[in-house]
């Protein structure tokens, strides 16, 4: 991954690192595993930098949960967009395939 150039790109990059670290924490330890120090360490930032991007750990948890809900909504949209298929039959296989591609989102839903 290349280092972002502008200040705005750096901020987006750091925020994405924090979210990714938060998703990993939730995937391995659940929402109770979200801690600023651990997330900062995994994201490669100092703990105080966390607060430049999120008001609190709860705000990060909300963003993580919203991303997982969006992924689930995308699955539902895809299932109902194909009227020839049977969503009740198709969803387990599709959900499993998405879980393999996006394990952090799907572990949040579990």
C-alpha atoms as a PDB file:
ATOM      1  CA  UNK A   1       0.000   0.000   0.000  1.00  0.00           C
ATOM      2  CA  UNK A   2       1.369   3.392  -0.928  1.00  0.00           C
ATOM      3  CA  UNK A   3       1.571   6.192   1.571  1.00  0.00           C
ATOM      4  CA  UNK A   4      -1.129   8.811   0.995  1.00  0.00           C
ATOM      5  CA  UNK A   5       0.051  12.238  -0.117  1.00  0.00           C
ATOM      6  CA  UNK A   6      -2.324  15.007   0.914  1.00  0.00           C
ATOM      7  CA  UNK A   7      -3.479  15.685   4.463  1.00  0.00           C
ATOM      8  CA  UNK A   8      -7.019  14.634   3.553  1.00  0.00           C
ATOM      9  CA  UNK A   9      -5.729  11.364   2.065  1.00  0.00           C
ATOM     10  CA  UNK A  10      -3.673  10.736   5.198  1.00  0.00           C
ATOM     11  CA  UNK A  11      -6.737  11.275   7.391  1.00  0.00           C
ATOM     12  CA  UNK A  12      -8.837   8.878   5.274  1.00  0.00           C
ATOM     13  CA  UNK A  13      -6.030   6.331   5.323  1.00  0.00           C
ATOM     14  CA  UNK A  14      -5.613   6.521   9.104  1.00  0.00           C
ATOM     15  CA  UNK A  15      -9.362   6.282   9.659  1.00  0.00           C
ATOM     16  CA  UNK A  16      -9.488   3.211   7.396  1.00  0.00           C
ATOM     17  CA  UNK A  17      -6.651   1.646   9.416  1.00  0.00           C
ATOM     18  CA  UNK A  18      -8.567   2.274  12.641  1.00  0.00           C
ATOM     19  CA  UNK A  19     -11.767   0.763  11.224  1.00  0.00           C
ATOM     20  CA  UNK A  20      -9.868  -2.279   9.933  1.00  0.00           C
ATOM     21  CA  UNK A  21      -8.217  -2.758  13.326  1.00  0.00           C
ATOM     22  CA  UNK A  22     -11.629  -2.419  14.988  1.00  0.00           C
ATOM     23  CA  UNK A  23     -13.155  -5.008  12.665  1.00  0.00           C
ATOM     24  CA  UNK A  24     -10.325  -7.396  13.437  1.00  0.00           C
ATOM     25  CA  UNK A  25     -10.835  -6.842  17.159  1.00  0.00           C
ATOM     26  CA  UNK A  26     -14.557  -7.527  16.871  1.00  0.00           C
ATOM     27  CA  UNK A  27     -13.883 -10.607  14.725  1.00  0.00           C
ATOM     28  CA  UNK A  28     -11.545 -12.087  17.308  1.00  0.00           C
ATOM     29  CA  UNK A  29     -12.824 -10.738  20.635  1.00  0.00           C
ATOM     30  CA  UNK A  30     -16.311  -9.370  20.022  1.00  0.00           C
ATOM     31  CA  UNK A  31     -17.412  -5.798  20.622  1.00  0.00           C
ATOM     32  CA  UNK A  32     -16.152  -6.023  24.198  1.00  0.00           C
ATOM     33  CA  UNK A  33     -12.674  -6.412  22.673  1.00  0.00           C
ATOM     34  CA  UNK A  34     -12.680  -2.864  21.339  1.00  0.00           C
ATOM     35  CA  UNK A  35     -10.105  -0.883  23.277  1.00  0.00           C
ATOM     36  CA  UNK A  36      -8.388   2.302  22.170  1.00  0.00           C
ATOM     37  CA  UNK A  37      -4.866   1.132  23.029  1.00  0.00           C
ATOM     38  CA  UNK A  38      -5.207  -2.196  21.246  1.00  0.00           C
ATOM     39  CA  UNK A  39      -6.820  -0.638  18.177  1.00  0.00           C
ATOM     40  CA  UNK A  40      -4.187   2.102  18.035  1.00  0.00           C
ATOM     41  CA  UNK A  41      -1.391  -0.437  18.326  1.00  0.00           C
ATOM     42  CA  UNK A  42      -2.827  -2.558  15.504  1.00  0.00           C
ATOM     43  CA  UNK A  43      -3.475   0.519  13.341  1.00  0.00           C
ATOM     44  CA  UNK A  44       0.077   1.784  13.929  1.00  0.00           C
ATOM     45  CA  UNK A  45      -0.966   5.050  15.567  1.00  0.00           C
ATOM     46  CA  UNK A  46      -0.693   6.563  19.026  1.00  0.00           C
ATOM     47  CA  UNK A  47      -3.829   6.186  21.165  1.00  0.00           C
ATOM     48  CA  UNK A  48      -4.538   9.930  21.195  1.00  0.00           C
ATOM     49  CA  UNK A  49      -4.731   9.898  17.376  1.00  0.00           C
ATOM     50  CA  UNK A  50      -7.760   7.603  17.651  1.00  0.00           C
ATOM     51  CA  UNK A  51      -9.759  10.533  19.027  1.00  0.00           C
ATOM     52  CA  UNK A  52      -8.992  12.677  15.979  1.00  0.00           C
ATOM     53  CA  UNK A  53     -11.108  10.237  13.992  1.00  0.00           C
ATOM     54  CA  UNK A  54     -13.674   8.903  16.464  1.00  0.00           C
ATOM     55  CA  UNK A  55     -15.365  10.506  19.422  1.00  0.00           C
ATOM     56  CA  UNK A  56     -15.340   7.227  21.348  1.00  0.00           C
ATOM     57  CA  UNK A  57     -15.019   3.466  21.031  1.00  0.00           C
ATOM     58  CA  UNK A  58     -18.822   3.387  20.798  1.00  0.00           C
ATOM     59  CA  UNK A  59     -18.659   5.618  17.709  1.00  0.00           C
ATOM     60  CA  UNK A  60     -16.218   3.173  16.119  1.00  0.00           C
ATOM     61  CA  UNK A  61     -18.475   0.255  17.069  1.00  0.00           C
ATOM     62  CA  UNK A  62     -21.394   2.041  15.429  1.00  0.00           C
ATOM     63  CA  UNK A  63     -19.423   2.503  12.205  1.00  0.00           C
ATOM     64  CA  UNK A  64     -18.348  -1.143  12.218  1.00  0.00           C
ATOM     65  CA  UNK A  65     -21.918  -2.326  12.806  1.00  0.00           C
ATOM     66  CA  UNK A  66     -23.240  -0.008  10.079  1.00  0.00           C
ATOM     67  CA  UNK A  67     -20.727  -1.447   7.606  1.00  0.00           C
ATOM     68  CA  UNK A  68     -21.790  -4.975   8.475  1.00  0.00           C
ATOM     69  CA  UNK A  69     -25.464  -4.033   8.131  1.00  0.00           C
ATOM     70  CA  UNK A  70     -24.719  -2.486   4.740  1.00  0.00           C
ATOM     71  CA  UNK A  71     -23.038  -5.726   3.627  1.00  0.00           C
ATOM     72  CA  UNK A  72     -26.075  -7.703   4.770  1.00  0.00           C
ATOM     73  CA  UNK A  73     -28.361  -5.264   2.959  1.00  0.00           C
ATOM     74  CA  UNK A  74     -26.328  -5.791  -0.212  1.00  0.00           C
ATOM     75  CA  UNK A  75     -26.834  -9.540   0.087  1.00  0.00           C
ATOM     76  CA  UNK A  76     -30.585  -9.122   0.527  1.00  0.00           C
ATOM     77  CA  UNK A  77     -30.746  -6.727  -2.433  1.00  0.00           C
ATOM     78  CA  UNK A  78     -28.869  -9.209  -4.610  1.00  0.00           C
ATOM     79  CA  UNK A  79     -31.163 -12.051  -3.566  1.00  0.00           C
ATOM     80  CA  UNK A  80     -34.391 -10.216  -4.355  1.00  0.00           C
ATOM     81  CA  UNK A  81     -33.039  -8.668  -7.578  1.00  0.00           C
ATOM     82  CA  UNK A  82     -33.021 -12.063  -9.271  1.00  0.00           C
ATOM     83  CA  UNK A  83     -36.665 -13.152  -9.460  1.00  0.00           C
ATOM     84  CA  UNK A  84     -35.788 -16.446 -11.159  1.00  0.00           C
ATOM     85  CA  UNK A  85     -33.870 -17.640  -8.120  1.00  0.00           C
ATOM     86  CA  UNK A  86     -35.310 -18.656  -4.770  1.00  0.00           C
ATOM     87  CA  UNK A  87     -33.831 -16.446  -2.032  1.00  0.00           C
ATOM     88  CA  UNK A  88     -34.614 -19.020   0.652  1.00  0.00           C
ATOM     89  CA  UNK A  89     -32.529 -21.591  -1.206  1.00  0.00           C
ATOM     90  CA  UNK A  90     -29.796 -19.235  -2.457  1.00  0.00           C
ATOM     91  CA  UNK A  91     -29.011 -17.185   0.635  1.00  0.00           C
ATOM     92  CA  UNK A  92     -26.913 -19.691   2.627  1.00  0.00           C
ATOM     93  CA  UNK A  93     -24.470 -20.249  -0.237  1.00  0.00           C
ATOM     94  CA  UNK A  94     -24.246 -16.568  -1.089  1.00  0.00           C
ATOM     95  CA  UNK A  95     -23.840 -15.552   2.549  1.00  0.00           C
ATOM     96  CA  UNK A  96     -21.101 -18.136   2.941  1.00  0.00           C
ATOM     97  CA  UNK A  97     -19.275 -16.868  -0.159  1.00  0.00           C
ATOM     98  CA  UNK A  98     -19.479 -13.276   1.118  1.00  0.00           C
ATOM     99  CA  UNK A  99     -18.268 -14.373   4.550  1.00  0.00           C
ATOM    100  CA  UNK A 100     -15.179 -15.855   2.924  1.00  0.00           C
ATOM    101  CA  UNK A 101     -14.536 -12.648   0.942  1.00  0.00           C
ATOM    102  CA  UNK A 102     -15.327 -10.242   3.804  1.00  0.00           C
ATOM    103  CA  UNK A 103     -14.765 -12.128   7.064  1.00  0.00           C
ATOM    104  CA  UNK A 104     -14.605  -9.031   9.270  1.00  0.00           C
ATOM    105  CA  UNK A 105     -18.043  -7.774   8.199  1.00  0.00           C
ATOM    106  CA  UNK A 106     -19.641 -11.152   8.586  1.00  0.00           C
ATOM    107  CA  UNK A 107     -18.082 -11.929  11.945  1.00  0.00           C
ATOM    108  CA  UNK A 108     -19.721  -8.739  13.234  1.00  0.00           C
ATOM    109  CA  UNK A 109     -23.099 -10.073  12.126  1.00  0.00           C
ATOM    110  CA  UNK A 110     -22.465 -13.401  13.831  1.00  0.00           C
END
